[in-house]
Protein backbone atom coordinates (compact mmCIF):
# COMPACT_ATOMS: atom_id res chain seq x y z
CA MET A 1 -60.50 17.79 204.87
CA ILE A 2 -61.54 14.79 203.18
CA SER A 3 -62.64 11.77 204.83
CA GLU A 4 -62.59 9.40 202.10
CA HIS A 5 -62.33 10.36 198.38
CA ALA A 6 -65.68 9.07 196.40
CA GLY A 7 -64.20 7.21 193.64
CA GLN A 8 -63.72 8.42 189.69
CA SER A 9 -67.26 8.33 188.50
CA SER A 10 -68.24 9.63 185.40
CA PRO A 11 -71.06 11.75 184.48
CA SER A 12 -73.90 9.87 183.29
CA ALA A 13 -74.76 9.91 179.42
CA SER A 14 -77.94 12.46 180.19
CA ALA A 15 -75.41 14.79 182.09
CA GLU A 16 -72.81 14.87 179.27
CA ALA A 17 -75.57 15.87 176.53
CA ALA A 18 -77.23 18.77 178.81
CA PRO A 19 -75.87 22.30 178.00
CA TRP A 20 -72.86 23.15 179.59
CA TRP A 21 -73.88 26.18 181.56
CA ARG A 22 -76.78 24.10 183.28
CA GLY A 23 -74.44 22.65 185.99
CA ALA A 24 -71.06 24.06 185.61
CA VAL A 25 -68.58 26.08 187.54
CA ILE A 26 -67.80 29.21 186.54
CA TYR A 27 -64.87 31.42 188.08
CA GLU A 28 -65.73 35.16 187.41
CA ILE A 29 -61.68 37.37 186.88
CA TYR A 30 -61.53 40.90 187.54
CA PRO A 31 -58.52 41.58 184.99
CA ARG A 32 -57.15 44.60 187.01
CA SER A 33 -56.87 42.22 189.75
CA PHE A 34 -56.41 38.99 188.97
CA ALA A 35 -52.33 38.53 187.84
CA ASP A 36 -50.06 41.27 186.19
CA GLY A 37 -47.95 39.90 184.21
CA SER A 38 -46.50 43.33 182.81
CA GLY A 39 -45.32 44.40 185.90
CA ASP A 40 -47.24 47.74 185.86
CA GLY A 41 -49.41 47.40 189.12
CA THR A 42 -52.21 46.39 186.92
CA GLY A 43 -53.57 42.96 185.92
CA ASP A 44 -53.77 41.96 182.29
CA LEU A 45 -54.22 39.09 180.19
CA ALA A 46 -50.59 38.21 180.30
CA GLY A 47 -51.03 37.33 183.66
CA VAL A 48 -54.48 35.25 183.07
CA ARG A 49 -52.76 33.63 180.36
CA ALA A 50 -50.02 32.53 182.86
CA ARG A 51 -52.30 31.38 185.39
CA LEU A 52 -54.20 29.40 183.63
CA PRO A 53 -52.97 25.96 185.04
CA TYR A 54 -53.77 27.17 188.18
CA LEU A 55 -57.67 27.59 187.04
CA ARG A 56 -57.35 24.12 185.35
CA ASP A 57 -56.55 22.36 188.13
CA LEU A 58 -58.93 24.04 190.68
CA GLY A 59 -61.63 22.47 188.64
CA ILE A 60 -63.59 25.07 186.71
CA ASP A 61 -65.73 25.05 183.61
CA ALA A 62 -65.66 28.84 182.38
CA VAL A 63 -64.29 31.79 183.20
CA TRP A 64 -66.39 35.09 183.13
CA PHE A 65 -64.27 38.08 182.45
CA THR A 66 -65.63 41.10 183.29
CA PRO A 67 -64.97 44.43 180.97
CA TRP A 68 -62.11 43.87 179.37
CA TYR A 69 -62.72 46.72 176.55
CA PRO A 70 -61.22 50.23 176.28
CA SER A 71 -62.15 52.37 178.87
CA PRO A 72 -61.32 55.26 181.09
CA MET A 73 -62.28 53.23 184.21
CA ALA A 74 -64.24 56.07 185.41
CA ASP A 75 -66.03 52.69 187.19
CA GLY A 76 -63.95 49.99 186.67
CA GLY A 77 -64.32 49.12 183.19
CA TYR A 78 -68.07 49.11 183.37
CA ASP A 79 -67.55 52.43 181.52
CA VAL A 80 -67.06 51.33 177.60
CA THR A 81 -65.97 53.15 174.87
CA ASP A 82 -65.03 50.55 172.15
CA TYR A 83 -66.32 46.72 172.75
CA ARG A 84 -64.43 45.41 170.01
CA ALA A 85 -60.85 46.08 171.05
CA ILE A 86 -58.86 45.63 174.49
CA ASP A 87 -57.74 47.42 176.76
CA PRO A 88 -54.43 48.60 176.22
CA GLY A 89 -53.74 48.13 180.18
CA PHE A 90 -54.66 44.99 179.68
CA GLY A 91 -53.26 43.64 176.35
CA ASP A 92 -54.86 43.58 172.70
CA LEU A 93 -57.20 41.69 170.55
CA ARG A 94 -54.79 39.07 169.14
CA GLU A 95 -53.86 38.29 173.25
CA ALA A 96 -57.55 38.05 174.35
CA GLU A 97 -58.36 35.62 171.17
CA LEU A 98 -54.72 33.55 172.18
CA LEU A 99 -56.18 33.36 176.13
CA ILE A 100 -59.90 32.35 174.77
CA ALA A 101 -57.81 29.44 172.68
CA GLU A 102 -55.45 28.41 175.17
CA ALA A 103 -58.28 28.35 178.00
CA ARG A 104 -60.52 26.31 175.35
CA GLU A 105 -58.10 23.76 175.46
CA MET A 106 -57.54 23.06 178.85
CA GLY A 107 -61.36 22.58 179.00
CA ILE A 108 -62.19 26.53 180.32
CA ARG A 109 -65.12 28.55 178.19
CA THR A 110 -64.77 32.00 178.01
CA ILE A 111 -67.42 34.30 179.37
CA VAL A 112 -67.24 38.14 178.45
CA ASP A 113 -69.33 40.82 179.89
CA VAL A 114 -71.48 43.53 177.75
CA VAL A 115 -72.73 46.49 179.45
CA PRO A 116 -75.78 47.53 177.11
CA ASN A 117 -77.47 50.05 179.46
CA HIS A 118 -74.64 52.56 179.02
CA VAL A 119 -71.38 53.38 177.81
CA SER A 120 -68.80 55.78 178.63
CA ASP A 121 -69.04 59.30 177.92
CA GLN A 122 -65.85 59.08 175.93
CA HIS A 123 -67.61 57.00 173.45
CA PRO A 124 -67.46 58.60 169.90
CA TRP A 125 -71.23 58.42 170.10
CA PHE A 126 -72.26 60.21 173.04
CA HIS A 127 -69.22 62.46 171.68
CA GLU A 128 -71.03 63.01 168.42
CA ALA A 129 -73.77 63.74 170.39
CA LEU A 130 -72.62 66.53 172.19
CA GLY A 131 -71.21 68.51 169.43
CA SER A 132 -75.17 67.85 167.58
CA PRO A 133 -78.09 69.97 168.28
CA ALA A 134 -80.61 69.05 170.38
CA GLY A 135 -83.51 66.79 168.36
CA SER A 136 -80.53 65.36 166.15
CA ALA A 137 -80.34 61.81 165.52
CA ALA A 138 -76.75 61.74 167.37
CA ARG A 139 -78.27 62.72 170.60
CA GLY A 140 -81.35 60.07 169.39
CA ARG A 141 -79.03 57.41 170.54
CA PHE A 142 -79.18 58.91 174.18
CA TRP A 143 -81.62 60.41 176.86
CA PHE A 144 -81.26 64.54 176.15
CA ARG A 145 -83.89 66.51 177.33
CA PRO A 146 -84.39 69.96 178.12
CA GLY A 147 -85.03 70.83 181.88
CA ARG A 148 -87.14 71.85 184.16
CA GLY A 149 -87.95 75.02 185.60
CA ALA A 150 -87.93 78.59 184.30
CA ASP A 151 -84.69 78.49 182.61
CA GLY A 152 -84.32 74.46 182.42
CA GLU A 153 -82.51 74.25 185.61
CA LEU A 154 -84.31 71.11 186.94
CA PRO A 155 -83.68 68.06 185.78
CA PRO A 156 -85.95 66.30 183.47
CA ASN A 157 -87.62 64.04 186.47
CA ALA A 158 -86.51 63.34 190.20
CA TRP A 159 -85.11 59.68 189.05
CA VAL A 160 -81.83 58.75 191.30
CA SER A 161 -78.98 57.16 190.19
CA GLU A 162 -77.97 53.63 191.26
CA PHE A 163 -74.89 55.48 192.90
CA GLY A 164 -76.81 58.01 194.79
CA GLY A 165 -77.25 61.58 193.79
CA PRO A 166 -79.58 62.76 190.27
CA ALA A 167 -79.71 60.62 187.51
CA TRP A 168 -79.38 63.73 185.26
CA THR A 169 -76.29 66.02 184.53
CA ARG A 170 -76.69 69.19 182.36
CA THR A 171 -74.54 69.65 179.39
CA THR A 172 -73.20 72.94 178.10
CA ASP A 173 -73.46 74.24 174.84
CA PRO A 174 -70.95 75.55 172.31
CA ASP A 175 -71.54 78.77 173.28
CA GLY A 176 -71.37 78.40 177.04
CA SER A 177 -74.74 78.33 177.87
CA PRO A 178 -76.33 75.65 179.90
CA GLY A 179 -77.98 73.01 177.22
CA GLU A 180 -79.59 70.06 178.03
CA TRP A 181 -79.98 67.29 180.49
CA TYR A 182 -78.76 63.71 180.05
CA LEU A 183 -80.31 60.69 181.54
CA HIS A 184 -77.06 57.95 183.63
CA LEU A 185 -78.39 56.03 185.80
CA PHE A 186 -75.22 54.65 187.26
CA ALA A 187 -72.50 57.71 186.76
CA PRO A 188 -72.43 60.86 185.00
CA SER A 189 -69.27 59.35 182.90
CA GLN A 190 -71.72 56.41 181.89
CA PRO A 191 -74.79 57.85 179.76
CA ASP A 192 -77.81 55.68 179.34
CA LEU A 193 -78.40 54.55 175.73
CA ASN A 194 -82.02 54.86 174.56
CA TRP A 195 -82.92 51.54 173.18
CA GLY A 196 -85.82 52.83 171.36
CA HIS A 197 -83.16 53.76 168.68
CA PRO A 198 -82.60 51.20 165.89
CA GLU A 199 -79.11 51.85 165.92
CA VAL A 200 -78.89 50.82 169.60
CA ARG A 201 -80.31 47.49 168.94
CA GLU A 202 -78.10 46.88 165.81
CA GLU A 203 -75.08 47.68 167.43
CA HIS A 204 -75.36 45.20 170.24
CA GLU A 205 -76.16 41.98 168.30
CA ASP A 206 -73.12 43.30 166.03
CA VAL A 207 -70.90 42.84 169.14
CA LEU A 208 -72.31 39.71 170.08
CA ARG A 209 -70.94 38.40 166.30
CA PHE A 210 -68.19 39.90 167.10
CA TRP A 211 -67.13 37.58 170.37
CA PHE A 212 -68.69 34.78 169.27
CA ASP A 213 -67.16 34.22 165.87
CA ARG A 214 -63.79 34.79 168.69
CA GLY A 215 -64.87 31.62 170.21
CA VAL A 216 -66.54 32.62 173.56
CA ALA A 217 -69.13 30.76 174.75
CA GLY A 218 -71.41 33.00 176.56
CA ILE A 219 -72.29 36.63 177.10
CA ARG A 220 -72.84 38.55 180.85
CA ILE A 221 -75.53 40.88 180.45
CA ASP A 222 -74.89 43.86 182.91
CA SER A 223 -77.73 45.69 184.63
CA ALA A 224 -80.11 43.37 182.58
CA ALA A 225 -82.98 44.74 183.64
CA LEU A 226 -82.35 48.41 182.91
CA LEU A 227 -82.27 49.35 179.42
CA VAL A 228 -85.85 50.14 178.54
CA LYS A 229 -87.23 53.41 179.97
CA ASP A 230 -90.87 54.73 179.66
CA PRO A 231 -90.33 57.17 176.80
CA LYS A 232 -92.68 59.79 178.64
CA LEU A 233 -89.67 59.47 181.69
CA PRO A 234 -92.66 59.97 184.75
CA ASP A 235 -91.51 60.21 188.29
CA VAL A 236 -91.17 56.76 189.90
CA ALA A 237 -94.31 56.09 191.49
CA THR A 238 -94.26 54.60 195.11
CA LEU A 239 -96.84 51.68 193.61
CA HIS A 240 -96.59 50.43 190.27
CA ALA A 241 -97.96 47.20 188.30
CA PRO A 242 -95.53 44.28 187.24
CA GLY A 243 -93.66 45.51 184.21
CA GLU A 244 -95.08 49.30 184.69
CA HIS A 245 -91.94 50.23 186.61
CA PRO A 246 -90.49 53.76 184.21
CA TYR A 247 -86.72 52.35 184.00
CA VAL A 248 -86.63 48.56 185.58
CA ASP A 249 -88.00 45.26 184.44
CA ARG A 250 -90.15 46.32 181.33
CA ASP A 251 -91.97 44.43 179.51
CA GLU A 252 -90.42 45.36 175.91
CA LEU A 253 -87.20 43.69 177.21
CA GLN A 254 -88.50 40.45 176.45
CA ASP A 255 -88.58 41.27 172.50
CA ILE A 256 -84.73 42.92 172.81
CA TYR A 257 -83.30 39.82 174.53
CA ARG A 258 -85.49 37.26 171.79
CA GLY A 259 -83.36 39.03 169.48
CA TRP A 260 -80.17 38.32 171.10
CA ARG A 261 -81.08 34.70 171.53
CA ALA A 262 -81.77 34.13 168.20
CA VAL A 263 -77.95 35.37 167.57
CA ALA A 264 -76.42 33.27 169.66
CA ASP A 265 -78.86 30.36 168.41
CA SER A 266 -77.75 31.27 165.17
CA TYR A 267 -74.01 29.97 166.07
CA GLY A 268 -75.67 26.35 167.64
CA ASP A 269 -76.72 25.65 170.84
CA ASP A 270 -73.14 25.81 172.99
CA LEU A 271 -73.78 29.17 173.84
CA ALA A 272 -75.25 30.74 176.29
CA LEU A 273 -76.70 34.56 177.56
CA ILE A 274 -76.71 35.20 181.01
CA GLY A 275 -78.42 38.22 182.78
CA GLU A 276 -77.63 40.24 186.09
CA LEU A 277 -81.36 40.78 186.88
CA TRP A 278 -81.41 42.42 190.44
CA LEU A 279 -85.58 41.76 190.96
CA PRO A 280 -87.28 41.10 193.92
CA GLU A 281 -90.51 39.23 192.32
CA ALA A 282 -89.61 35.61 191.14
CA THR A 283 -92.00 35.46 189.03
CA ARG A 284 -90.98 38.51 186.59
CA PHE A 285 -87.34 37.01 187.29
CA ALA A 286 -88.23 33.83 185.90
CA ARG A 287 -89.81 35.08 182.80
CA TYR A 288 -86.38 36.20 181.70
CA LEU A 289 -85.99 32.33 180.98
CA ARG A 290 -88.26 31.45 179.06
CA PRO A 291 -87.51 28.93 176.26
CA GLY A 292 -86.14 31.44 173.80
CA VAL A 293 -85.17 34.52 175.98
CA LEU A 294 -82.33 34.13 178.26
CA ASN A 295 -80.44 30.95 179.16
CA SER A 296 -79.90 31.94 183.17
CA ALA A 297 -78.92 34.69 185.11
CA PHE A 298 -77.68 35.72 188.43
CA ASN A 299 -79.32 34.23 191.61
CA PHE A 300 -78.92 37.45 193.91
CA ASP A 301 -81.87 36.31 196.61
CA PHE A 302 -79.54 33.98 197.68
CA LEU A 303 -76.80 35.64 197.65
CA VAL A 304 -78.36 38.48 200.00
CA CYS A 305 -79.39 36.00 202.52
CA PRO A 306 -78.54 36.22 205.96
CA TRP A 307 -76.47 32.95 207.51
CA ASP A 308 -80.20 31.31 208.64
CA ALA A 309 -81.91 28.41 207.74
CA ASP A 310 -85.28 29.69 207.53
CA ARG A 311 -84.04 31.91 205.33
CA LEU A 312 -82.12 30.39 203.28
CA ARG A 313 -84.35 27.14 203.08
CA ALA A 314 -86.87 29.50 201.74
CA SER A 315 -84.71 30.84 199.10
CA ILE A 316 -83.42 27.68 198.11
CA GLN A 317 -87.00 26.16 197.59
CA GLN A 318 -88.13 29.24 195.84
CA THR A 319 -85.15 29.55 193.08
CA THR A 320 -85.64 25.82 192.29
CA GLU A 321 -89.56 26.01 192.04
CA VAL A 322 -89.33 29.12 189.90
CA HIS A 323 -86.23 27.89 187.38
CA ALA A 324 -88.19 24.21 187.32
CA GLU A 325 -91.53 25.88 186.10
CA VAL A 326 -89.76 27.54 182.89
CA GLY A 327 -86.86 24.59 182.63
CA ALA A 328 -83.96 26.89 183.36
CA PRO A 329 -81.15 25.69 185.28
CA THR A 330 -80.59 27.29 188.99
CA THR A 331 -77.39 29.10 189.39
CA TRP A 332 -75.80 30.13 192.88
CA VAL A 333 -73.40 32.91 193.88
CA LEU A 334 -71.88 34.10 197.18
CA SER A 335 -70.10 37.07 195.67
CA ASN A 336 -68.98 38.93 192.98
CA HIS A 337 -66.85 41.96 192.20
CA ASP A 338 -69.85 44.30 193.50
CA VAL A 339 -70.43 42.98 197.07
CA THR A 340 -68.77 42.64 200.57
CA ARG A 341 -66.72 39.32 200.71
CA PRO A 342 -68.56 36.48 202.61
CA VAL A 343 -65.51 36.04 205.09
CA THR A 344 -66.33 39.69 206.16
CA ARG A 345 -69.80 39.39 205.77
CA TYR A 346 -71.07 36.46 207.45
CA GLY A 347 -69.08 37.58 210.62
CA ARG A 348 -71.12 40.88 211.25
CA SER A 349 -74.33 40.45 213.32
CA ASP A 350 -76.27 41.04 210.15
CA THR A 351 -75.24 38.60 207.60
CA SER A 352 -77.18 39.61 205.17
CA PHE A 353 -75.93 42.23 201.91
CA SER A 354 -77.58 45.05 200.62
CA PHE A 355 -75.83 48.06 199.18
CA GLU A 356 -77.97 50.66 201.12
CA ALA A 357 -76.45 49.39 204.55
CA LYS A 358 -72.50 49.26 203.81
CA ARG A 359 -71.17 51.51 206.01
CA TYR A 360 -67.11 52.17 207.34
CA GLY A 361 -66.59 50.84 211.08
CA THR A 362 -68.69 47.67 211.08
CA PRO A 363 -67.98 45.57 213.57
CA THR A 364 -66.50 41.96 212.23
CA ASP A 365 -65.24 38.33 213.90
CA LEU A 366 -63.40 37.49 210.45
CA TRP A 367 -62.68 34.30 212.54
CA LEU A 368 -66.56 33.22 212.73
CA GLY A 369 -66.94 34.85 209.06
CA LEU A 370 -64.38 32.53 207.55
CA ARG A 371 -65.81 29.25 209.57
CA ARG A 372 -69.47 30.24 207.83
CA ALA A 373 -68.10 30.96 204.43
CA ARG A 374 -66.40 27.30 204.15
CA ALA A 375 -70.15 25.64 205.05
CA ALA A 376 -71.60 27.79 202.69
CA ALA A 377 -69.14 27.48 200.34
CA LEU A 378 -69.70 23.33 200.38
CA LEU A 379 -73.65 24.60 201.03
CA THR A 380 -73.38 26.23 197.41
CA MET A 381 -71.39 23.94 195.33
CA ALA A 382 -73.93 20.95 196.57
CA LEU A 383 -77.02 22.52 195.12
CA PRO A 384 -78.34 21.81 191.74
CA GLY A 385 -77.08 24.04 188.65
CA CYS A 386 -74.50 26.43 188.04
CA VAL A 387 -72.30 28.13 190.03
CA TYR A 388 -70.09 30.90 190.15
CA LEU A 389 -67.37 31.30 192.22
CA TYR A 390 -65.47 35.33 192.56
CA GLN A 391 -61.80 35.94 192.48
CA GLY A 392 -60.31 35.31 196.06
CA GLU A 393 -63.46 33.13 197.14
CA GLU A 394 -61.60 29.89 197.20
CA LEU A 395 -58.59 31.41 199.29
CA GLY A 396 -60.93 32.89 201.76
CA LEU A 397 -60.07 36.24 201.30
CA PRO A 398 -61.61 39.04 203.49
CA GLU A 399 -63.12 42.50 202.16
CA VAL A 400 -60.15 44.81 202.87
CA GLU A 401 -61.54 47.90 204.66
CA ASP A 402 -58.49 50.15 205.21
CA ILE A 403 -57.88 51.11 201.77
CA PRO A 404 -56.61 54.91 201.92
CA PRO A 405 -59.28 57.38 201.50
CA GLY A 406 -56.52 58.71 198.47
CA LEU A 407 -56.54 55.37 196.75
CA LEU A 408 -60.36 54.42 196.27
CA GLN A 409 -61.52 54.79 192.97
CA ASP A 410 -64.86 53.54 193.17
CA PRO A 411 -67.95 56.37 192.29
CA MET A 412 -70.42 54.46 194.81
CA HIS A 413 -68.18 55.74 197.51
CA PHE A 414 -67.40 59.40 195.99
CA ARG A 415 -71.20 59.50 195.29
CA SER A 416 -72.26 58.61 198.55
CA HIS A 417 -70.01 61.78 199.78
CA GLY A 418 -67.86 59.31 201.57
CA VAL A 419 -70.23 57.30 203.62
CA ASP A 420 -70.32 54.19 201.61
CA PRO A 421 -67.03 52.73 201.49
CA GLY A 422 -67.88 51.81 197.96
CA ARG A 423 -66.10 48.17 196.35
CA ASP A 424 -62.83 48.85 196.08
CA GLY A 425 -62.53 46.47 199.39
CA CYS A 426 -63.41 43.35 197.44
CA ARG A 427 -61.46 44.33 194.90
CA VAL A 428 -57.66 44.41 195.80
CA PRO A 429 -55.59 42.09 194.06
CA MET A 430 -54.58 38.28 194.25
CA PRO A 431 -52.10 37.10 196.34
CA TRP A 432 -50.37 34.48 194.62
CA SER A 433 -46.98 33.80 196.60
CA GLY A 434 -44.73 35.37 198.57
CA ASP A 435 -44.59 36.64 202.45
CA THR A 436 -44.99 40.51 201.63
CA PRO A 437 -47.05 42.29 198.94
CA PRO A 438 -47.49 42.60 195.90
CA TYR A 439 -47.46 38.68 197.35
CA GLY A 440 -46.51 37.28 193.40
CA PHE A 441 -49.43 40.00 191.75
CA SER A 442 -46.73 41.32 190.07
CA PRO A 443 -43.26 40.20 188.51
CA ASP A 444 -40.27 39.87 191.26
CA ASP A 445 -38.68 42.68 189.29
CA ALA A 446 -42.29 45.11 188.79
CA ASP A 447 -41.40 48.86 189.42
CA ASP A 448 -44.86 49.67 190.23
CA GLU A 449 -46.88 48.78 193.05
CA PRO A 450 -50.24 47.25 193.00
CA TRP A 451 -53.09 49.64 191.83
CA LEU A 452 -54.98 48.95 195.30
CA PRO A 453 -53.06 48.14 198.32
CA GLN A 454 -52.84 44.66 199.50
CA PRO A 455 -52.79 44.05 203.25
CA ALA A 456 -49.28 43.24 204.87
CA ASP A 457 -51.13 40.25 206.99
CA TRP A 458 -52.37 38.08 203.74
CA ALA A 459 -49.30 36.33 203.59
CA GLY A 460 -50.92 33.05 205.25
CA LEU A 461 -53.80 33.43 202.68
CA THR A 462 -51.45 33.52 199.49
CA VAL A 463 -52.17 30.42 196.85
CA GLU A 464 -48.55 29.27 197.75
CA SER A 465 -49.28 29.11 201.25
CA GLN A 466 -52.72 27.27 200.79
CA THR A 467 -51.43 24.73 198.83
CA GLY A 468 -51.08 21.05 199.98
CA ILE A 469 -52.33 22.13 203.29
CA PRO A 470 -55.77 19.84 204.03
CA THR A 471 -57.06 22.07 206.23
CA SER A 472 -56.67 25.32 203.68
CA THR A 473 -59.95 27.48 202.80
CA LEU A 474 -58.26 26.48 198.72
CA GLU A 475 -57.91 22.83 199.49
CA LEU A 476 -61.17 22.40 200.44
CA TYR A 477 -62.32 24.25 197.35
CA ARG A 478 -60.35 22.06 195.37
CA ALA A 479 -61.59 19.06 196.93
CA ALA A 480 -65.40 20.38 196.40
CA LEU A 481 -64.54 21.18 193.01
CA ARG A 482 -63.26 17.21 192.15
CA LEU A 483 -66.17 15.46 193.86
CA ARG A 484 -68.69 17.82 192.30
CA ARG A 485 -67.22 16.89 188.55
CA ASP A 486 -66.78 13.28 189.66
CA LEU A 487 -70.02 12.78 191.73
CA PRO A 488 -72.95 11.76 188.83
CA ASN A 489 -75.84 13.53 191.05
CA LEU A 490 -73.89 17.03 191.90
CA GLY A 491 -73.93 19.69 189.17
CA ASP A 492 -77.47 19.90 187.54
CA GLY A 493 -80.60 17.75 188.53
CA PRO A 494 -82.96 17.29 191.01
CA MET A 495 -82.46 17.29 195.21
CA THR A 496 -84.74 16.29 197.92
CA TRP A 497 -85.27 17.82 201.62
CA LEU A 498 -84.02 15.27 204.15
CA PRO A 499 -86.01 15.62 207.89
CA SER A 500 -83.67 17.82 209.92
CA ALA A 501 -83.23 19.83 212.82
CA PRO A 502 -85.05 23.56 212.42
CA GLN A 503 -81.57 25.52 212.28
CA VAL A 504 -79.94 22.91 209.86
CA LEU A 505 -80.22 22.32 206.20
CA ALA A 506 -80.31 18.62 205.04
CA PHE A 507 -80.79 17.38 201.56
CA ALA A 508 -80.00 14.69 198.84
CA ARG A 509 -78.57 14.31 195.35
CA GLY A 510 -79.41 11.24 194.08
CA PRO A 511 -79.63 8.02 195.90
CA ASP A 512 -76.41 8.36 197.74
CA PHE A 513 -75.17 12.04 198.32
CA ALA A 514 -76.62 14.36 201.14
CA CYS A 515 -75.43 17.70 202.09
CA VAL A 516 -75.99 18.51 205.89
CA VAL A 517 -75.50 22.33 207.22
CA ASN A 518 -75.63 23.29 210.66
CA LEU A 519 -76.58 26.94 211.22
CA GLY A 520 -77.36 26.58 215.06
CA PRO A 521 -75.36 27.03 218.15
CA ASP A 522 -74.59 23.69 219.41
CA PRO A 523 -73.78 20.46 217.45
CA VAL A 524 -76.01 18.12 216.16
CA GLU A 525 -76.48 14.26 215.05
CA LEU A 526 -75.48 13.18 211.37
CA PRO A 527 -78.08 11.50 209.69
CA ALA A 528 -77.13 7.89 208.92
CA HIS A 529 -74.33 7.57 206.70
CA ASP A 530 -71.59 5.30 205.25
CA HIS A 531 -68.72 8.08 205.79
CA VAL A 532 -68.12 11.51 204.97
CA LEU A 533 -66.67 12.69 201.79
CA LEU A 534 -65.81 16.01 202.87
CA ILE A 535 -66.15 18.55 205.71
CA SER A 536 -65.56 21.88 206.10
CA ALA A 537 -64.61 22.26 209.77
CA ALA A 538 -63.60 19.27 211.91
CA LEU A 539 -66.40 16.68 213.65
CA LYS A 540 -66.77 17.12 217.33
CA GLY A 541 -67.28 14.37 219.92
CA GLY A 542 -68.70 12.47 215.93
CA ARG A 543 -71.40 15.38 215.92
CA LEU A 544 -71.44 18.45 213.46
CA PRO A 545 -70.20 21.56 215.16
CA ALA A 546 -72.11 25.13 214.53
CA ASP A 547 -71.49 26.65 211.37
CA THR A 548 -70.24 23.41 209.62
CA ALA A 549 -71.27 21.48 206.57
CA ALA A 550 -70.49 17.85 205.73
CA TRP A 551 -71.00 16.04 202.56
CA LEU A 552 -71.99 12.56 203.12
CA ARG A 553 -72.06 9.05 201.27
CA ILE A 554 -75.48 7.67 202.42
CA SER A 555 -76.71 4.17 201.79
CA ALA A 556 -78.78 3.93 198.37
CA PRO A 557 -82.21 2.76 199.06
CA GLY A 558 -82.09 -1.39 199.36
């Protein structure tokens, strides 16, 4: 809801000259679940092309596609067989090229996902490796090793997969006897590549050129801290010096990404390399953002924070300081295709996020969660730097937690022996219109149901039902993104903390804009202001209620 529009101010000349990714709003599309143009129940590029006007009108600057390449879909497309093609279920390469061009005509850049840590076990390289003897060049592209024990029956080490269970799988030789083991930090269908092999590095740099030649504006690098392994493959020590973990954040990564940056820079200065870096140490994280390495990286510390003023303030402060030290833009993200949706997360007693803590049956207050998620959205979009939105976040979608077990597909669920509900709940197809599933996700005459079932009570969450309703979450996002684009001091740039109560976050962006978020239980007075530009919930007696955020026009000094 808007009290008064701020006017159509143009960005400053310096903002126009800054690289686009420093202050962009980037919208993540999970292709299987965004829009189904063919009617087979799976999202595709035709569906995305038809919905480009929606994205343009929402007010985003770029779209990031999770992997759209040919894949057995053992891990939602993150098990790739060919980086130079499109999965037939999504379309073909020509349609991807049209999509990139059509989006650019609407002012929307395209970012594609590259998964350098591993490939699918159906990739030609891995087939060649399985058909080659131990010690062969084909096996050298991966991590094949003999097992331990009298007959090699034990894995080469005790590493644990990110999805749970051992990180090694034993092969079978052509004669049927047990063979070597191969490493997979994720599912067994995702064998890890050996980045010490020159062909691995050459191949990925060529993949970058392939997509830059087709007009993409950026590359999102999956699991960017995991590529390099200690050749000795030691077990993970309880304590280790920075950069000395056997497979996380090793120093050799810096040289790899400098090579990637050289490829990107050879096309000019308009391309971005964006790392997915889950690292606990801020100083180690910042090393990837130094000049000549990556352009930006996801800020997961902010995402996993609980709904707590002190924790959020500390995360924001540390993030801005660390990025400023290396001259990199900050990034802010509340959700993505891997984590529990904010509406559900913020409605729980523990409002933080961790993969280890996900369980079935966690009590949730969705009304409270939505209220906090709306406030968190305004907080996020007011912070300096770049913002990532995940499809459906702008609709206030909750996590779907009652998908029938027989329809679940996420390997996280299966590798946990059913304890972890997995990530399918945040990947349920988008609701666009209508009162019943598929809610416009598929054409009216589609024969197939969506690949994951949509809840029967989502009629009030569709794009159609929220459009034009001033209090809807969709219109809140539209208004915030419009103001973010119109106001010269939002996006990239400095911020200044304002005096506030302990449970309130208040900061200024420039001389005449302030964001105030009340995370406490009681209404609070707003600071002196000229008027309210935007608010996530109605004021209560002129005061800012609990779990509410407001954007204010304040008087410039003098």
